[in-house]
Amino acid sequence: MNDKNFPAIHFDRVSSENRSLQNEVKKLKETKNAVILAHYYQVPEIKQVADFVGDSLELAKKAAQSDADIIVFAGVHFMAETAKILNPSKKVLLPDLKAGCSLAESCEPAAFKKFVEDHPGHIVVTYINCSAEIKAMSDIVCTSSNAEKIIRSIPEDIPIIFAPDRNLGKYLVEKTGRDMLLWDGACLVHEAFSIDKLLALHKKYPSAKIIAHPESESHILKIASYIGSTSGMLDHVTKSDHKTFIVATEAGILYEMQTHLPHKTLIPAPAKENNSCACSECAYMKMNSLEKLYSCLNEETPEIRLKETLIKKARGPIDRMLALSK
């Protein structure tokens, strides 16, 4: 990043203590035949020891393909649940069981069950950012990478329920023209961006292109030059000839972009509330740490445990998504 004046995020170098701990994690991976899957939004020192770093779709595919005995999911609870659903015979670990998701928590199973029952005849499409119980009530799961493709694959005469993210749902309605019934849920991180601050920032850096995740509110998406998944935004910035971008998604992706694209200027979109980086960060994602990762792998706990009946019900909708994503 080559502009010293823009409000960038700075990533500290790994300390000698963390480097030593990273080496211990690597040793444990080998001795235990373990694989570490890390979401883009994890802290850098975790991503540096991960076998795979990606978004929800990429990591779901890696989980399905894994031949490891142990899967450590450095992400949030619903992601680790998805890995367990796809690998019921494997041990799936999550560094911190309290690493939840505001979007997943906005869709409570009992309430959603009634919602579905009150609207019979609809095909149920759920965003992967939901609990195993919600997935089990679904016909097909999607991610922000493949949501449009999945909605377009459904015959137009079949009504659709889409849950839990209302912002992604509204975006898909606009993109596909489908009049879907939307569950009223949202991601606190992607609703934290300030349109006023963003416009002021763009006025200060008029050459910057605004790119945004579709979980963001519609007024943010309207001013974006590109809308896409986390991996989609990374790919877009990589391929674009443009040099300066304002990035409206969780700030963790800035590390990945900075690492691969040091010659480009990457600016985090500003949050409504003041915080340590003036950006939008997921507190749940940041609950995982290198120390917790090491302890989790060393002690093989906390472990994700799901009932066999729930795994079977939730597996079908995920498999349908993966089949359509090939």
C-alpha atoms as a PDB file:
ATOM      1  CA  MET A   1       0.000   0.000   0.000  1.00  0.00           C
ATOM      2  CA  ASN A   2       1.611   3.179  -1.185  1.00  0.00           C
ATOM      3  CA  ASP A   3      -0.364   6.132   0.174  1.00  0.00           C
ATOM      4  CA  LYS A   4       0.773   7.190   3.638  1.00  0.00           C
ATOM      5  CA  ASN A   5      -2.221   9.454   4.148  1.00  0.00           C
ATOM      6  CA  PHE A   6      -5.177   7.090   3.862  1.00  0.00           C
ATOM      7  CA  PRO A   7      -6.703   5.402   6.961  1.00  0.00           C
ATOM      8  CA  ALA A   8      -5.261   1.954   6.428  1.00  0.00           C
ATOM      9  CA  ILE A   9      -5.198  -0.979   8.832  1.00  0.00           C
ATOM     10  CA  HIS A  10      -1.728  -1.933   9.997  1.00  0.00           C
ATOM     11  CA  PHE A  11      -0.805  -5.539  10.729  1.00  0.00           C
ATOM     12  CA  ASP A  12       1.968  -6.094  13.223  1.00  0.00           C
ATOM     13  CA  ARG A  13       4.771  -8.524  12.500  1.00  0.00           C
ATOM     14  CA  VAL A  14       4.581 -11.868  14.244  1.00  0.00           C
ATOM     15  CA  SER A  15       6.395 -11.777  17.586  1.00  0.00           C
ATOM     16  CA  SER A  16       9.053 -14.357  18.445  1.00  0.00           C
ATOM     17  CA  GLU A  17       6.650 -15.811  21.026  1.00  0.00           C
ATOM     18  CA  ASN A  18       3.912 -16.229  18.424  1.00  0.00           C
ATOM     19  CA  ARG A  19       6.398 -17.626  15.915  1.00  0.00           C
ATOM     20  CA  SER A  20       7.388 -20.280  18.445  1.00  0.00           C
ATOM     21  CA  LEU A  21       3.735 -21.114  19.078  1.00  0.00           C
ATOM     22  CA  GLN A  22       3.084 -21.310  15.341  1.00  0.00           C
ATOM     23  CA  ASN A  23       5.887 -23.871  15.041  1.00  0.00           C
ATOM     24  CA  GLU A  24       4.297 -25.933  17.813  1.00  0.00           C
ATOM     25  CA  VAL A  25       0.967 -25.817  15.983  1.00  0.00           C
ATOM     26  CA  LYS A  26       2.630 -27.049  12.796  1.00  0.00           C
ATOM     27  CA  LYS A  27       4.212 -29.959  14.682  1.00  0.00           C
ATOM     28  CA  LEU A  28       0.873 -30.921  16.203  1.00  0.00           C
ATOM     29  CA  LYS A  29      -0.767 -30.854  12.765  1.00  0.00           C
ATOM     30  CA  GLU A  30       1.720 -33.403  11.494  1.00  0.00           C
ATOM     31  CA  THR A  31       1.619 -35.757  14.466  1.00  0.00           C
ATOM     32  CA  LYS A  32      -2.171 -35.717  14.705  1.00  0.00           C
ATOM     33  CA  ASN A  33      -2.926 -35.712  10.942  1.00  0.00           C
ATOM     34  CA  ALA A  34      -4.910 -32.525  11.408  1.00  0.00           C
ATOM     35  CA  VAL A  35      -5.929 -29.803   8.966  1.00  0.00           C
ATOM     36  CA  ILE A  36      -6.600 -26.170   9.885  1.00  0.00           C
ATOM     37  CA  LEU A  37      -9.252 -24.297   7.928  1.00  0.00           C
ATOM     38  CA  ALA A  38      -9.274 -20.542   8.520  1.00  0.00           C
ATOM     39  CA  HIS A  39     -11.738 -17.909   7.374  1.00  0.00           C
ATOM     40  CA  TYR A  40     -10.453 -14.707   5.791  1.00  0.00           C
ATOM     41  CA  TYR A  41     -11.646 -12.763   8.843  1.00  0.00           C
ATOM     42  CA  GLN A  42      -9.348 -14.548  11.294  1.00  0.00           C
ATOM     43  CA  VAL A  43      -6.313 -12.803  12.803  1.00  0.00           C
ATOM     44  CA  PRO A  44      -3.125 -12.977  10.678  1.00  0.00           C
ATOM     45  CA  GLU A  45      -1.147 -15.247  13.017  1.00  0.00           C
ATOM     46  CA  ILE A  46      -3.837 -17.935  12.670  1.00  0.00           C
ATOM     47  CA  LYS A  47      -4.076 -17.638   8.882  1.00  0.00           C
ATOM     48  CA  GLN A  48      -0.303 -18.012   8.649  1.00  0.00           C
ATOM     49  CA  VAL A  49      -0.481 -21.573  10.031  1.00  0.00           C
ATOM     50  CA  ALA A  50      -3.693 -22.602   8.266  1.00  0.00           C
ATOM     51  CA  ASP A  51      -3.683 -25.210   5.518  1.00  0.00           C
ATOM     52  CA  PHE A  52      -6.484 -23.398   3.724  1.00  0.00           C
ATOM     53  CA  VAL A  53      -7.735 -19.817   3.987  1.00  0.00           C
ATOM     54  CA  GLY A  54     -10.971 -18.856   2.282  1.00  0.00           C
ATOM     55  CA  ASP A  55     -14.610 -17.837   2.452  1.00  0.00           C
ATOM     56  CA  SER A  56     -17.540 -20.024   3.486  1.00  0.00           C
ATOM     57  CA  LEU A  57     -17.933 -21.794   0.125  1.00  0.00           C
ATOM     58  CA  GLU A  58     -14.230 -22.500  -0.349  1.00  0.00           C
ATOM     59  CA  LEU A  59     -13.882 -23.840   3.189  1.00  0.00           C
ATOM     60  CA  ALA A  60     -17.037 -25.964   2.895  1.00  0.00           C
ATOM     61  CA  LYS A  61     -15.510 -27.588  -0.182  1.00  0.00           C
ATOM     62  CA  LYS A  62     -12.195 -28.163   1.598  1.00  0.00           C
ATOM     63  CA  ALA A  63     -14.024 -29.705   4.555  1.00  0.00           C
ATOM     64  CA  ALA A  64     -15.879 -32.073   2.228  1.00  0.00           C
ATOM     65  CA  GLN A  65     -12.607 -33.123   0.568  1.00  0.00           C
ATOM     66  CA  SER A  66     -10.529 -33.519   3.723  1.00  0.00           C
ATOM     67  CA  ASP A  67      -8.746 -36.794   4.466  1.00  0.00           C
ATOM     68  CA  ALA A  68      -7.440 -35.562   7.827  1.00  0.00           C
ATOM     69  CA  ASP A  69      -8.394 -37.257  11.082  1.00  0.00           C
ATOM     70  CA  ILE A  70      -8.958 -33.905  12.797  1.00  0.00           C
ATOM     71  CA  ILE A  71     -10.390 -30.701  11.334  1.00  0.00           C
ATOM     72  CA  VAL A  72      -9.695 -27.505  13.254  1.00  0.00           C
ATOM     73  CA  PHE A  73     -12.001 -24.759  12.054  1.00  0.00           C
ATOM     74  CA  ALA A  74     -10.646 -21.313  12.797  1.00  0.00           C
ATOM     75  CA  GLY A  75     -13.844 -19.434  12.213  1.00  0.00           C
ATOM     76  CA  VAL A  76     -17.228 -19.300  13.905  1.00  0.00           C
ATOM     77  CA  HIS A  77     -19.608 -21.942  15.216  1.00  0.00           C
ATOM     78  CA  PHE A  78     -21.820 -22.434  12.159  1.00  0.00           C
ATOM     79  CA  MET A  79     -18.730 -23.009   9.992  1.00  0.00           C
ATOM     80  CA  ALA A  80     -17.416 -25.721  12.289  1.00  0.00           C
ATOM     81  CA  GLU A  81     -20.894 -27.280  12.342  1.00  0.00           C
ATOM     82  CA  THR A  82     -20.870 -27.372   8.540  1.00  0.00           C
ATOM     83  CA  ALA A  83     -17.499 -29.134   8.592  1.00  0.00           C
ATOM     84  CA  LYS A  84     -18.898 -31.712  11.047  1.00  0.00           C
ATOM     85  CA  ILE A  85     -22.001 -32.263   8.903  1.00  0.00           C
ATOM     86  CA  LEU A  86     -19.760 -32.963   5.910  1.00  0.00           C
ATOM     87  CA  ASN A  87     -17.364 -35.117   7.971  1.00  0.00           C
ATOM     88  CA  PRO A  88     -19.484 -36.931  10.590  1.00  0.00           C
ATOM     89  CA  SER A  89     -16.795 -39.538  11.322  1.00  0.00           C
ATOM     90  CA  LYS A  90     -14.027 -36.979  11.889  1.00  0.00           C
ATOM     91  CA  LYS A  91     -13.214 -34.954  14.977  1.00  0.00           C
ATOM     92  CA  VAL A  92     -14.031 -31.292  14.326  1.00  0.00           C
ATOM     93  CA  LEU A  93     -12.620 -28.695  16.706  1.00  0.00           C
ATOM     94  CA  LEU A  94     -13.334 -24.991  17.215  1.00  0.00           C
ATOM     95  CA  PRO A  95     -10.798 -22.924  19.199  1.00  0.00           C
ATOM     96  CA  ASP A  96     -13.554 -21.078  21.081  1.00  0.00           C
ATOM     97  CA  LEU A  97     -17.098 -22.475  21.290  1.00  0.00           C
ATOM     98  CA  LYS A  98     -18.374 -18.990  22.075  1.00  0.00           C
ATOM     99  CA  ALA A  99     -17.337 -17.772  18.613  1.00  0.00           C
ATOM    100  CA  GLY A 100     -20.852 -17.374  17.280  1.00  0.00           C
ATOM    101  CA  CYS A 101     -22.438 -15.246  14.557  1.00  0.00           C
ATOM    102  CA  SER A 102     -24.898 -12.368  14.893  1.00  0.00           C
ATOM    103  CA  LEU A 103     -26.581 -13.381  11.627  1.00  0.00           C
ATOM    104  CA  ALA A 104     -26.989 -17.032  12.635  1.00  0.00           C
ATOM    105  CA  GLU A 105     -28.342 -15.942  16.004  1.00  0.00           C
ATOM    106  CA  SER A 106     -30.948 -13.744  14.302  1.00  0.00           C
ATOM    107  CA  CYS A 107     -32.696 -16.892  13.052  1.00  0.00           C
ATOM    108  CA  GLU A 108     -33.917 -18.927  16.028  1.00  0.00           C
ATOM    109  CA  PRO A 109     -34.963 -22.485  15.022  1.00  0.00           C
ATOM    110  CA  ALA A 110     -38.392 -22.601  16.698  1.00  0.00           C
ATOM    111  CA  ALA A 111     -39.405 -19.236  15.204  1.00  0.00           C
ATOM    112  CA  PHE A 112     -38.105 -20.215  11.763  1.00  0.00           C
ATOM    113  CA  LYS A 113     -39.949 -23.547  11.891  1.00  0.00           C
ATOM    114  CA  LYS A 114     -43.223 -21.681  12.468  1.00  0.00           C
ATOM    115  CA  PHE A 115     -42.344 -19.203   9.698  1.00  0.00           C
ATOM    116  CA  VAL A 116     -41.863 -22.058   7.218  1.00  0.00           C
ATOM    117  CA  GLU A 117     -45.037 -23.821   8.370  1.00  0.00           C
ATOM    118  CA  ASP A 118     -47.015 -20.591   7.965  1.00  0.00           C
ATOM    119  CA  HIS A 119     -45.895 -20.368   4.313  1.00  0.00           C
ATOM    120  CA  PRO A 120     -46.395 -23.846   2.807  1.00  0.00           C
ATOM    121  CA  GLY A 121     -45.413 -24.613  -0.769  1.00  0.00           C
ATOM    122  CA  HIS A 122     -42.225 -22.533  -0.682  1.00  0.00           C
ATOM    123  CA  ILE A 123     -38.767 -23.903  -1.399  1.00  0.00           C
ATOM    124  CA  VAL A 124     -36.493 -22.919   1.498  1.00  0.00           C
ATOM    125  CA  VAL A 125     -33.104 -21.449   0.593  1.00  0.00           C
ATOM    126  CA  THR A 126     -30.832 -20.593   3.493  1.00  0.00           C
ATOM    127  CA  TYR A 127     -27.559 -18.721   3.562  1.00  0.00           C
ATOM    128  CA  ILE A 128     -24.795 -20.897   5.014  1.00  0.00           C
ATOM    129  CA  ASN A 129     -24.464 -18.407   7.913  1.00  0.00           C
ATOM    130  CA  CYS A 130     -27.055 -20.262   9.987  1.00  0.00           C
ATOM    131  CA  SER A 131     -27.200 -23.076  12.519  1.00  0.00           C
ATOM    132  CA  ALA A 132     -27.347 -26.777  11.722  1.00  0.00           C
ATOM    133  CA  GLU A 133     -30.985 -26.770  12.876  1.00  0.00           C
ATOM    134  CA  ILE A 134     -31.875 -24.119  10.273  1.00  0.00           C
ATOM    135  CA  LYS A 135     -29.985 -25.991   7.551  1.00  0.00           C
ATOM    136  CA  ALA A 136     -31.982 -29.119   8.440  1.00  0.00           C
ATOM    137  CA  MET A 137     -35.207 -27.201   7.680  1.00  0.00           C
ATOM    138  CA  SER A 138     -33.890 -26.071   4.287  1.00  0.00           C
ATOM    139  CA  ASP A 139     -34.167 -27.423   0.771  1.00  0.00           C
ATOM    140  CA  ILE A 140     -30.851 -25.973  -0.316  1.00  0.00           C
ATOM    141  CA  VAL A 141     -28.065 -23.914   1.256  1.00  0.00           C
ATOM    142  CA  CYS A 142     -26.121 -21.144  -0.482  1.00  0.00           C
ATOM    143  CA  THR A 143     -23.191 -18.806   0.115  1.00  0.00           C
ATOM    144  CA  SER A 144     -22.696 -15.272  -1.131  1.00  0.00           C
ATOM    145  CA  SER A 145     -20.490 -16.763  -3.880  1.00  0.00           C
ATOM    146  CA  ASN A 146     -23.198 -18.967  -5.374  1.00  0.00           C
ATOM    147  CA  ALA A 147     -26.484 -17.497  -4.108  1.00  0.00           C
ATOM    148  CA  GLU A 148     -27.496 -15.908  -7.411  1.00  0.00           C
ATOM    149  CA  LYS A 149     -26.776 -19.113  -9.329  1.00  0.00           C
ATOM    150  CA  ILE A 150     -28.826 -21.157  -6.874  1.00  0.00           C
ATOM    151  CA  ILE A 151     -31.805 -18.782  -6.942  1.00  0.00           C
ATOM    152  CA  ARG A 152     -31.765 -18.793 -10.753  1.00  0.00           C
ATOM    153  CA  SER A 153     -31.739 -22.614 -10.747  1.00  0.00           C
ATOM    154  CA  ILE A 154     -35.155 -22.721  -9.046  1.00  0.00           C
ATOM    155  CA  PRO A 155     -38.167 -22.839 -11.441  1.00  0.00           C
ATOM    156  CA  GLU A 156     -39.929 -19.474 -11.569  1.00  0.00           C
ATOM    157  CA  ASP A 157     -43.313 -20.950 -10.623  1.00  0.00           C
ATOM    158  CA  ILE A 158     -41.997 -22.130  -7.234  1.00  0.00           C
ATOM    159  CA  PRO A 159     -42.141 -19.503  -4.461  1.00  0.00           C
ATOM    160  CA  ILE A 160     -39.001 -19.055  -2.368  1.00  0.00           C
ATOM    161  CA  ILE A 161     -38.307 -18.417   1.294  1.00  0.00           C
ATOM    162  CA  PHE A 162     -34.853 -16.917   1.780  1.00  0.00           C
ATOM    163  CA  ALA A 163     -33.168 -16.747   5.184  1.00  0.00           C
ATOM    164  CA  PRO A 164     -31.622 -15.458   7.327  1.00  0.00           C
ATOM    165  CA  ASP A 165     -29.995 -12.345   5.778  1.00  0.00           C
ATOM    166  CA  ARG A 166     -32.487  -9.724   4.584  1.00  0.00           C
ATOM    167  CA  ASN A 167     -29.785  -7.624   2.910  1.00  0.00           C
ATOM    168  CA  LEU A 168     -28.445 -10.486   0.818  1.00  0.00           C
ATOM    169  CA  GLY A 169     -32.064 -11.433   0.098  1.00  0.00           C
ATOM    170  CA  LYS A 170     -32.925  -7.918  -1.134  1.00  0.00           C
ATOM    171  CA  TYR A 171     -29.811  -7.928  -3.311  1.00  0.00           C
ATOM    172  CA  LEU A 172     -30.834 -11.277  -4.838  1.00  0.00           C
ATOM    173  CA  VAL A 173     -34.379 -10.054  -5.478  1.00  0.00           C
ATOM    174  CA  GLU A 174     -32.921  -7.119  -7.410  1.00  0.00           C
ATOM    175  CA  LYS A 175     -30.434  -9.291  -9.318  1.00  0.00           C
ATOM    176  CA  THR A 176     -32.791 -12.149 -10.229  1.00  0.00           C
ATOM    177  CA  GLY A 177     -36.206 -10.507 -10.280  1.00  0.00           C
ATOM    178  CA  ARG A 178     -37.575 -13.219  -7.987  1.00  0.00           C
ATOM    179  CA  ASP A 179     -40.149 -12.047  -5.439  1.00  0.00           C
ATOM    180  CA  MET A 180     -38.818 -13.960  -2.443  1.00  0.00           C
ATOM    181  CA  LEU A 181     -40.199 -14.094   1.088  1.00  0.00           C
ATOM    182  CA  LEU A 182     -37.351 -12.836   3.292  1.00  0.00           C
ATOM    183  CA  TRP A 183     -36.549 -13.679   6.898  1.00  0.00           C
ATOM    184  CA  ASP A 184     -35.726 -10.520   8.851  1.00  0.00           C
ATOM    185  CA  GLY A 185     -32.139 -11.244   9.932  1.00  0.00           C
ATOM    186  CA  ALA A 186     -28.872  -9.386   9.453  1.00  0.00           C
ATOM    187  CA  CYS A 187     -25.138  -9.376  10.129  1.00  0.00           C
ATOM    188  CA  LEU A 188     -24.174  -6.673  12.630  1.00  0.00           C
ATOM    189  CA  VAL A 189     -20.739  -6.329  11.034  1.00  0.00           C
ATOM    190  CA  HIS A 190     -22.084  -5.616   7.554  1.00  0.00           C
ATOM    191  CA  GLU A 191     -24.758  -3.265   8.881  1.00  0.00           C
ATOM    192  CA  ALA A 192     -22.127  -1.253  10.768  1.00  0.00           C
ATOM    193  CA  PHE A 193     -20.925   0.798   7.797  1.00  0.00           C
ATOM    194  CA  SER A 194     -21.726   4.512   7.846  1.00  0.00           C
ATOM    195  CA  ILE A 195     -23.003   5.838   4.535  1.00  0.00           C
ATOM    196  CA  ASP A 196     -22.176   9.421   5.544  1.00  0.00           C
ATOM    197  CA  LYS A 197     -18.620   8.548   6.554  1.00  0.00           C
ATOM    198  CA  LEU A 198     -18.214   6.410   3.435  1.00  0.00           C
ATOM    199  CA  LEU A 199     -19.306   9.238   1.147  1.00  0.00           C
ATOM    200  CA  ALA A 200     -16.991  11.645   2.967  1.00  0.00           C
ATOM    201  CA  LEU A 201     -14.121   9.175   2.615  1.00  0.00           C
ATOM    202  CA  HIS A 202     -14.817   8.751  -1.093  1.00  0.00           C
ATOM    203  CA  LYS A 203     -14.868  12.529  -1.512  1.00  0.00           C
ATOM    204  CA  LYS A 204     -11.429  12.626   0.087  1.00  0.00           C
ATOM    205  CA  TYR A 205     -10.188   9.818  -2.204  1.00  0.00           C
ATOM    206  CA  PRO A 206     -12.293  10.261  -5.368  1.00  0.00           C
ATOM    207  CA  SER A 207     -10.184   7.875  -7.432  1.00  0.00           C
ATOM    208  CA  ALA A 208     -11.023   4.961  -5.102  1.00  0.00           C
ATOM    209  CA  LYS A 209     -13.465   2.282  -6.238  1.00  0.00           C
ATOM    210  CA  ILE A 210     -15.944   1.142  -3.577  1.00  0.00           C
ATOM    211  CA  ILE A 211     -16.420  -2.617  -3.354  1.00  0.00           C
ATOM    212  CA  ALA A 212     -18.913  -4.240  -0.993  1.00  0.00           C
ATOM    213  CA  HIS A 213     -20.214  -7.531   0.361  1.00  0.00           C
ATOM    214  CA  PRO A 214     -23.916  -8.203  -0.451  1.00  0.00           C
ATOM    215  CA  GLU A 215     -24.698  -8.554   3.268  1.00  0.00           C
ATOM    216  CA  SER A 216     -24.268  -4.776   3.458  1.00  0.00           C
ATOM    217  CA  GLU A 217     -27.294  -2.488   3.513  1.00  0.00           C
ATOM    218  CA  SER A 218     -28.826  -1.442   0.191  1.00  0.00           C
ATOM    219  CA  HIS A 219     -27.663   2.195   0.426  1.00  0.00           C
ATOM    220  CA  ILE A 220     -24.068   0.935   0.669  1.00  0.00           C
ATOM    221  CA  LEU A 221     -24.532  -1.419  -2.282  1.00  0.00           C
ATOM    222  CA  LYS A 222     -25.992   1.351  -4.449  1.00  0.00           C
ATOM    223  CA  ILE A 223     -22.711   3.274  -4.427  1.00  0.00           C
ATOM    224  CA  ALA A 224     -20.458   0.233  -4.891  1.00  0.00           C
ATOM    225  CA  SER A 225     -18.726  -0.373  -8.210  1.00  0.00           C
ATOM    226  CA  TYR A 226     -18.464  -4.081  -7.396  1.00  0.00           C
ATOM    227  CA  ILE A 227     -20.560  -6.328  -5.128  1.00  0.00           C
ATOM    228  CA  GLY A 228     -19.403  -9.825  -4.290  1.00  0.00           C
ATOM    229  CA  SER A 229     -18.406 -12.438  -1.759  1.00  0.00           C
ATOM    230  CA  THR A 230     -15.229 -12.124   0.281  1.00  0.00           C
ATOM    231  CA  SER A 231     -13.273 -14.237  -2.198  1.00  0.00           C
ATOM    232  CA  GLY A 232     -15.015 -12.422  -5.058  1.00  0.00           C
ATOM    233  CA  MET A 233     -13.780  -9.064  -3.796  1.00  0.00           C
ATOM    234  CA  LEU A 234     -10.242 -10.395  -3.432  1.00  0.00           C
ATOM    235  CA  ASP A 235     -10.366 -11.773  -6.975  1.00  0.00           C
ATOM    236  CA  HIS A 236     -11.833  -8.521  -8.319  1.00  0.00           C
ATOM    237  CA  VAL A 237      -9.113  -6.368  -6.762  1.00  0.00           C
ATOM    238  CA  THR A 238      -6.457  -8.802  -7.977  1.00  0.00           C
ATOM    239  CA  LYS A 239      -7.635  -8.703 -11.600  1.00  0.00           C
ATOM    240  CA  SER A 240      -8.555  -5.033 -11.756  1.00  0.00           C
ATOM    241  CA  ASP A 241      -6.197  -2.479 -13.305  1.00  0.00           C
ATOM    242  CA  HIS A 242      -7.454   0.036 -10.755  1.00  0.00           C
ATOM    243  CA  LYS A 243      -5.070   0.853  -7.908  1.00  0.00           C
ATOM    244  CA  THR A 244      -7.226   2.214  -5.072  1.00  0.00           C
ATOM    245  CA  PHE A 245     -10.206   0.553  -3.360  1.00  0.00           C
ATOM    246  CA  ILE A 246     -12.476   1.250  -0.399  1.00  0.00           C
ATOM    247  CA  VAL A 247     -13.451  -2.165   0.953  1.00  0.00           C
ATOM    248  CA  ALA A 248     -16.838  -2.632   2.669  1.00  0.00           C
ATOM    249  CA  THR A 249     -16.645  -5.943   4.462  1.00  0.00           C
ATOM    250  CA  GLU A 250     -15.083  -7.285   7.665  1.00  0.00           C
ATOM    251  CA  ALA A 251     -11.630  -5.770   8.050  1.00  0.00           C
ATOM    252  CA  GLY A 252      -9.863  -9.142   8.202  1.00  0.00           C
ATOM    253  CA  ILE A 253      -9.837  -9.377   4.411  1.00  0.00           C
ATOM    254  CA  LEU A 254      -7.523  -6.356   4.284  1.00  0.00           C
ATOM    255  CA  TYR A 255      -4.640  -8.524   5.516  1.00  0.00           C
ATOM    256  CA  GLU A 256      -5.162 -10.999   2.674  1.00  0.00           C
ATOM    257  CA  MET A 257      -5.398  -8.221   0.105  1.00  0.00           C
ATOM    258  CA  GLN A 258      -2.371  -6.401   1.499  1.00  0.00           C
ATOM    259  CA  THR A 259      -0.301  -9.599   1.456  1.00  0.00           C
ATOM    260  CA  HIS A 260      -1.103 -10.442  -2.163  1.00  0.00           C
ATOM    261  CA  LEU A 261      -1.392  -6.913  -3.529  1.00  0.00           C
ATOM    262  CA  PRO A 262       1.207  -4.706  -1.808  1.00  0.00           C
ATOM    263  CA  HIS A 263       1.233  -2.321  -4.773  1.00  0.00           C
ATOM    264  CA  LYS A 264      -2.443  -1.388  -4.348  1.00  0.00           C
ATOM    265  CA  THR A 265      -4.051   1.103  -1.975  1.00  0.00           C
ATOM    266  CA  LEU A 266      -6.714  -0.598   0.167  1.00  0.00           C
ATOM    267  CA  ILE A 267      -8.900   1.454   2.500  1.00  0.00           C
ATOM    268  CA  PRO A 268     -11.377  -0.057   5.004  1.00  0.00           C
ATOM    269  CA  ALA A 269     -14.902   1.326   4.801  1.00  0.00           C
ATOM    270  CA  PRO A 270     -15.681   3.335   7.950  1.00  0.00           C
ATOM    271  CA  ALA A 271     -18.022   2.088  10.668  1.00  0.00           C
ATOM    272  CA  LYS A 272     -20.841   4.071  12.261  1.00  0.00           C
ATOM    273  CA  GLU A 273     -19.282   3.783  15.703  1.00  0.00           C
ATOM    274  CA  ASN A 274     -15.740   4.730  16.595  1.00  0.00           C
ATOM    275  CA  ASN A 275     -13.523   1.762  17.425  1.00  0.00           C
ATOM    276  CA  SER A 276      -9.868   0.784  17.424  1.00  0.00           C
ATOM    277  CA  CYS A 277      -9.485   0.762  13.649  1.00  0.00           C
ATOM    278  CA  ALA A 278     -12.465   2.920  12.576  1.00  0.00           C
ATOM    279  CA  CYS A 279     -13.571  -0.084  10.502  1.00  0.00           C
ATOM    280  CA  SER A 280     -16.063  -2.915  10.948  1.00  0.00           C
ATOM    281  CA  GLU A 281     -14.737  -6.026  12.696  1.00  0.00           C
ATOM    282  CA  CYS A 282     -16.476  -9.213  13.799  1.00  0.00           C
ATOM    283  CA  ALA A 283     -15.929  -9.666  17.525  1.00  0.00           C
ATOM    284  CA  TYR A 284     -16.890 -13.326  17.209  1.00  0.00           C
ATOM    285  CA  MET A 285     -14.229 -14.009  14.571  1.00  0.00           C
ATOM    286  CA  LYS A 286     -11.635 -12.320  16.736  1.00  0.00           C
ATOM    287  CA  MET A 287     -12.473 -14.539  19.743  1.00  0.00           C
ATOM    288  CA  ASN A 288     -10.170 -17.170  18.278  1.00  0.00           C
ATOM    289  CA  SER A 289      -6.479 -16.647  19.000  1.00  0.00           C
ATOM    290  CA  LEU A 290      -3.233 -18.440  18.262  1.00  0.00           C
ATOM    291  CA  GLU A 291      -3.068 -19.552  21.907  1.00  0.00           C
ATOM    292  CA  LYS A 292      -6.591 -20.996  21.740  1.00  0.00           C
ATOM    293  CA  LEU A 293      -5.755 -22.675  18.434  1.00  0.00           C
ATOM    294  CA  TYR A 294      -2.723 -24.373  19.965  1.00  0.00           C
ATOM    295  CA  SER A 295      -4.628 -25.454  23.077  1.00  0.00           C
ATOM    296  CA  CYS A 296      -7.527 -26.719  20.986  1.00  0.00           C
ATOM    297  CA  LEU A 297      -5.289 -28.880  18.815  1.00  0.00           C
ATOM    298  CA  ASN A 298      -3.107 -30.048  21.691  1.00  0.00           C
ATOM    299  CA  GLU A 299      -6.016 -31.073  23.926  1.00  0.00           C
ATOM    300  CA  GLU A 300      -8.420 -31.917  21.067  1.00  0.00           C
ATOM    301  CA  THR A 301     -11.183 -29.832  22.572  1.00  0.00           C
ATOM    302  CA  PRO A 302     -13.633 -28.021  22.279  1.00  0.00           C
ATOM    303  CA  GLU A 303     -15.199 -30.529  19.896  1.00  0.00           C
ATOM    304  CA  ILE A 304     -18.272 -29.971  17.749  1.00  0.00           C
ATOM    305  CA  ARG A 305     -20.858 -32.664  18.500  1.00  0.00           C
ATOM    306  CA  LEU A 306     -24.124 -33.023  16.583  1.00  0.00           C
ATOM    307  CA  LYS A 307     -26.818 -35.690  16.708  1.00  0.00           C
ATOM    308  CA  GLU A 308     -26.707 -38.161  13.831  1.00  0.00           C
ATOM    309  CA  THR A 309     -30.313 -37.376  12.853  1.00  0.00           C
ATOM    310  CA  LEU A 310     -29.518 -33.651  12.632  1.00  0.00           C
ATOM    311  CA  ILE A 311     -26.413 -34.325  10.549  1.00  0.00           C
ATOM    312  CA  LYS A 312     -28.428 -36.391   8.059  1.00  0.00           C
ATOM    313  CA  LYS A 313     -31.141 -33.739   7.702  1.00  0.00           C
ATOM    314  CA  ALA A 314     -28.661 -30.880   7.303  1.00  0.00           C
ATOM    315  CA  ARG A 315     -26.359 -32.758   4.911  1.00  0.00           C
ATOM    316  CA  GLY A 316     -28.791 -32.904   1.970  1.00  0.00           C
ATOM    317  CA  PRO A 317     -29.200 -29.125   1.497  1.00  0.00           C
ATOM    318  CA  ILE A 318     -25.421 -28.643   1.698  1.00  0.00           C
ATOM    319  CA  ASP A 319     -24.743 -31.436  -0.803  1.00  0.00           C
ATOM    320  CA  ARG A 320     -27.235 -29.860  -3.226  1.00  0.00           C
ATOM    321  CA  MET A 321     -25.359 -26.575  -2.946  1.00  0.00           C
ATOM    322  CA  LEU A 322     -21.994 -28.224  -3.554  1.00  0.00           C
ATOM    323  CA  ALA A 323     -23.350 -30.103  -6.570  1.00  0.00           C
ATOM    324  CA  LEU A 324     -24.578 -26.838  -8.096  1.00  0.00           C
ATOM    325  CA  SER A 325     -21.280 -25.109  -7.308  1.00  0.00           C
ATOM    326  CA  LYS A 326     -19.077 -27.414  -9.361  1.00  0.00           C
END
